[in-house]
Amino acid sequence: MDARNSAVAETVDRELVIARVFDAPRALVWKAWADPERVAKWWGPHGFTITFCEMDVRAGGAYRVCMRSPEGTDHWVQGVYREIVPPERLAFTWAWEDESGKPRHETLVTVTLAERGTRTELTLRHSGFESDAARDEHREGWTECLDEFPDYLAMVAS
């Protein structure tokens, strides 16, 4: 499942938009985003592992995830689901935690899934960044994350 050739990334002010088409049905892509056990198997930039993943996937529900870098540094993120429309849309806040576990600057992530025959077009919109540098760091992270996603989808589809 190679989605790299269908990647589109753009930024408008401090907003990040990435679109990819995956060779997988929308129901499978949805489950990969809405089930914490599945998320823990693919989410994160290259070389990162998920060591903690708790998700209450409903409007008003919270999530908390720990991504461990290849160097062993833990990066905690938390947020609240703002909108859940199975199997087509998730919107959730995103805030990195400081050393005491308190959320820092909050942004908004919206993931939209559209059927394209037997394939799924995923559009990820991440907005509300404090700086261009923060947006660009997230672009790198999300791009690496979505680069790994087709491998996960192929594994669970077989």
Protein backbone atom coordinates (compact mmCIF):
# COMPACT_ATOMS: atom_id res chain seq x y z
CA MET A 1 0.00 0.00 0.00
CA ASP A 2 2.07 2.87 -1.22
CA ALA A 3 0.48 6.25 -0.57
CA ARG A 4 3.66 8.29 -0.95
CA ASN A 5 2.95 9.14 -4.58
CA SER A 6 -0.42 10.65 -3.65
CA ALA A 7 0.88 12.90 -0.88
CA VAL A 8 0.01 16.56 -0.86
CA ALA A 9 1.21 18.90 1.86
CA GLU A 10 0.47 22.58 2.10
CA THR A 11 0.41 25.24 4.74
CA VAL A 12 -1.77 28.31 5.03
CA ASP A 13 -0.48 30.70 7.66
CA ARG A 14 0.01 28.44 10.66
CA GLU A 15 -2.07 25.55 9.42
CA LEU A 16 -0.86 22.21 8.14
CA VAL A 17 -2.78 20.09 5.63
CA ILE A 18 -1.67 16.64 4.49
CA ALA A 19 -3.73 14.47 2.14
CA ARG A 20 -3.00 10.85 1.25
CA VAL A 21 -4.86 8.09 -0.53
CA PHE A 22 -4.50 4.62 1.01
CA ASP A 23 -5.23 1.24 -0.56
CA ALA A 24 -7.61 0.26 2.22
CA PRO A 25 -11.35 0.54 2.86
CA ARG A 26 -12.53 3.48 4.92
CA ALA A 27 -13.81 1.22 7.73
CA LEU A 28 -10.31 -0.18 8.26
CA VAL A 29 -8.68 3.26 8.20
CA TRP A 30 -11.28 4.49 10.69
CA LYS A 31 -10.54 1.63 13.10
CA ALA A 32 -6.84 2.39 12.87
CA TRP A 33 -7.54 5.94 14.13
CA ALA A 34 -10.29 5.14 16.64
CA ASP A 35 -8.98 2.05 18.46
CA PRO A 36 -6.16 2.67 20.99
CA GLU A 37 -4.67 -0.81 20.49
CA ARG A 38 -4.42 -0.14 16.76
CA VAL A 39 -3.14 3.43 17.19
CA ALA A 40 -0.34 2.14 19.41
CA LYS A 41 0.94 -0.01 16.54
CA TRP A 42 1.46 2.70 13.92
CA TRP A 43 1.30 6.22 15.35
CA GLY A 44 4.44 8.31 15.68
CA PRO A 45 7.40 9.49 13.63
CA HIS A 46 10.04 7.06 12.30
CA GLY A 47 11.66 5.06 15.09
CA PHE A 48 9.20 6.17 17.80
CA THR A 49 7.17 3.66 19.78
CA ILE A 50 3.94 4.16 21.68
CA THR A 51 4.41 3.16 25.31
CA PHE A 52 1.04 4.42 26.58
CA CYS A 53 -2.19 5.00 24.69
CA GLU A 54 -5.50 5.74 26.34
CA MET A 55 -8.41 6.97 24.22
CA ASP A 56 -12.08 7.67 24.91
CA VAL A 57 -13.20 8.21 21.31
CA ARG A 58 -16.42 10.18 21.70
CA ALA A 59 -17.23 13.88 21.61
CA GLY A 60 -15.92 15.21 24.93
CA GLY A 61 -13.77 12.13 25.53
CA ALA A 62 -10.08 12.51 26.30
CA TYR A 63 -6.95 10.81 25.04
CA ARG A 64 -3.36 10.64 26.27
CA VAL A 65 -0.42 9.11 24.41
CA CYS A 66 3.27 8.67 25.19
CA MET A 67 5.63 8.48 22.21
CA ARG A 68 9.15 7.26 23.03
CA SER A 69 11.92 8.52 20.75
CA PRO A 70 14.68 6.21 19.50
CA GLU A 71 16.93 7.90 22.10
CA GLY A 72 14.52 6.90 24.89
CA THR A 73 12.92 10.30 25.53
CA ASP A 74 9.20 10.22 26.32
CA HIS A 75 6.94 12.77 24.60
CA TRP A 76 3.44 12.99 26.09
CA VAL A 77 0.48 14.45 24.25
CA GLN A 78 -3.11 14.85 25.39
CA GLY A 79 -6.34 16.22 24.11
CA VAL A 80 -10.11 16.06 23.91
CA TYR A 81 -12.22 14.77 21.05
CA ARG A 82 -14.35 17.61 19.73
CA GLU A 83 -16.18 15.76 16.97
CA ILE A 84 -16.59 12.08 16.10
CA VAL A 85 -18.50 11.09 12.96
CA PRO A 86 -17.79 7.41 12.22
CA PRO A 87 -16.34 6.48 9.79
CA GLU A 88 -15.63 9.85 8.20
CA ARG A 89 -14.33 12.47 10.65
CA LEU A 90 -12.45 12.92 13.91
CA ALA A 91 -11.55 16.29 15.40
CA PHE A 92 -9.46 16.55 18.55
CA THR A 93 -7.33 19.01 20.43
CA TRP A 94 -3.58 18.41 20.65
CA ALA A 95 -1.32 19.63 23.45
CA TRP A 96 2.17 18.48 24.38
CA GLU A 97 2.64 18.06 28.12
CA ASP A 98 5.34 19.82 30.11
CA GLU A 99 7.47 17.98 32.69
CA SER A 100 4.72 18.25 35.31
CA GLY A 101 2.07 16.77 32.99
CA LYS A 102 0.31 20.06 32.28
CA PRO A 103 -0.74 20.74 28.70
CA ARG A 104 1.10 23.43 26.79
CA HIS A 105 -0.29 25.31 23.78
CA GLU A 106 -3.40 23.59 22.40
CA THR A 107 -3.96 23.07 18.68
CA LEU A 108 -6.71 21.33 16.70
CA VAL A 109 -6.38 18.23 14.50
CA THR A 110 -9.14 17.20 12.10
CA VAL A 111 -8.94 13.93 10.18
CA THR A 112 -11.40 13.39 7.35
CA LEU A 113 -11.80 10.05 5.56
CA ALA A 114 -13.44 9.88 2.13
CA GLU A 115 -14.19 6.73 0.15
CA ARG A 116 -12.49 6.56 -3.22
CA GLY A 117 -13.80 3.23 -4.52
CA THR A 118 -11.92 0.58 -2.54
CA ARG A 119 -9.40 3.19 -1.37
CA THR A 120 -9.58 5.90 1.29
CA GLU A 121 -8.52 9.51 1.00
CA LEU A 122 -7.31 10.83 4.34
CA THR A 123 -7.01 14.57 4.89
CA LEU A 124 -5.29 15.69 8.08
CA ARG A 125 -5.66 19.37 9.02
CA HIS A 126 -3.69 20.62 12.03
CA SER A 127 -4.20 24.26 12.97
CA GLY A 128 -3.54 26.81 15.68
CA PHE A 129 0.25 26.64 15.87
CA GLU A 130 2.11 29.27 17.84
CA SER A 131 4.84 29.58 15.21
CA ASP A 132 5.90 28.51 11.75
CA ALA A 133 8.63 26.39 13.36
CA ALA A 134 6.07 24.47 15.46
CA ARG A 135 3.95 23.89 12.35
CA ASP A 136 6.99 22.66 10.42
CA GLU A 137 8.02 20.26 13.20
CA HIS A 138 4.52 18.78 13.19
CA ARG A 139 4.59 18.52 9.39
CA GLU A 140 7.71 16.37 9.68
CA GLY A 141 6.17 14.22 12.42
CA TRP A 142 2.82 13.70 10.72
CA THR A 143 4.49 13.00 7.37
CA GLU A 144 6.69 10.32 8.91
CA CYS A 145 3.71 8.89 10.76
CA LEU A 146 1.62 8.68 7.59
CA ASP A 147 4.59 7.22 5.69
CA GLU A 148 4.40 4.23 8.08
CA PHE A 149 0.61 3.93 7.93
CA PRO A 150 0.37 1.93 4.65
CA ASP A 151 2.60 -0.79 6.12
CA TYR A 152 0.30 -1.10 9.12
CA LEU A 153 -2.81 -1.19 6.92
CA ALA A 154 -1.28 -3.90 4.71
CA MET A 155 -0.40 -5.97 7.77
CA VAL A 156 -3.92 -5.88 9.25
CA ALA A 157 -5.67 -6.31 5.88
CA SER A 158 -3.94 -9.59 5.11
